[in-house]
Protein backbone atom coordinates (compact mmCIF):
# COMPACT_ATOMS: atom_id res chain seq x y z
CA MET A 1 -49.67 2.53 -26.70
CA LYS A 2 -49.26 0.58 -29.95
CA ALA A 3 -52.88 -0.33 -29.68
CA ARG A 4 -53.71 3.52 -29.41
CA LEU A 5 -51.71 4.15 -32.49
CA GLN A 6 -53.37 1.41 -34.49
CA ARG A 7 -56.69 2.74 -33.78
CA PHE A 8 -55.69 6.22 -34.83
CA LEU A 9 -54.24 4.89 -38.07
CA ALA A 10 -57.51 2.90 -38.71
CA SER A 11 -59.66 5.64 -37.97
CA ASP A 12 -61.39 7.27 -41.03
CA GLU A 13 -63.63 10.07 -39.11
CA GLY A 14 -61.80 12.97 -40.86
CA ALA A 15 -61.78 11.62 -44.22
CA VAL A 16 -65.14 13.26 -45.15
CA THR A 17 -63.99 16.34 -44.00
CA VAL A 18 -60.90 16.18 -46.45
CA ASP A 19 -63.16 15.15 -49.41
CA TRP A 20 -65.45 18.16 -48.75
CA VAL A 21 -62.32 20.61 -48.42
CA VAL A 22 -60.76 19.23 -51.71
CA LEU A 23 -64.25 19.29 -53.47
CA THR A 24 -64.90 22.88 -52.39
CA ALA A 25 -61.53 23.99 -53.30
CA GLY A 26 -62.07 22.50 -56.68
CA VAL A 27 -65.31 24.36 -57.14
CA VAL A 28 -64.03 27.77 -56.00
CA THR A 29 -61.09 27.31 -58.55
CA VAL A 30 -63.33 26.81 -61.38
CA ILE A 31 -65.65 29.77 -60.30
CA VAL A 32 -62.49 32.07 -60.21
CA LEU A 33 -61.17 30.77 -63.62
CA ILE A 34 -64.45 31.36 -65.22
CA PHE A 35 -64.93 34.74 -63.50
CA GLY A 36 -61.30 35.57 -64.99
CA ALA A 37 -62.09 34.61 -68.39
CA VAL A 38 -65.52 36.59 -68.43
CA SER A 39 -64.70 39.59 -66.58
CA GLU A 40 -62.71 41.49 -69.36
CA ASP A 41 -65.36 40.82 -71.94
CA THR A 42 -68.35 41.54 -69.84
CA LEU A 43 -66.58 45.07 -68.92
CA GLY A 44 -65.96 45.76 -72.50
CA LEU A 45 -69.39 45.18 -73.41
CA ALA A 46 -70.83 47.12 -70.62
CA GLY A 47 -68.56 50.05 -71.85
CA ASN A 48 -69.77 49.61 -75.50
CA ILE A 49 -73.60 49.73 -74.25
CA GLY A 50 -72.79 52.87 -72.29
CA SER A 51 -71.15 54.45 -75.22
CA TYR A 52 -74.09 53.66 -77.18
CA ILE A 53 -76.65 54.86 -74.69
CA GLY A 54 -74.92 58.15 -74.32
CA SER A 55 -74.67 58.81 -77.99
CA GLN A 56 -78.41 58.53 -78.32
């Protein structure tokens, strides 16, 4: 039993998966933050363009 526990603790097969999950979560977080910062200005600009086109 002790040998199995030592093999389990020494195994690093799942470490790459954990790295990819953390990396993906970081990228998604950055994308969401950028989208949140840009979306309001984009909607305002689209409204201004729509008003301008409607007045022509």
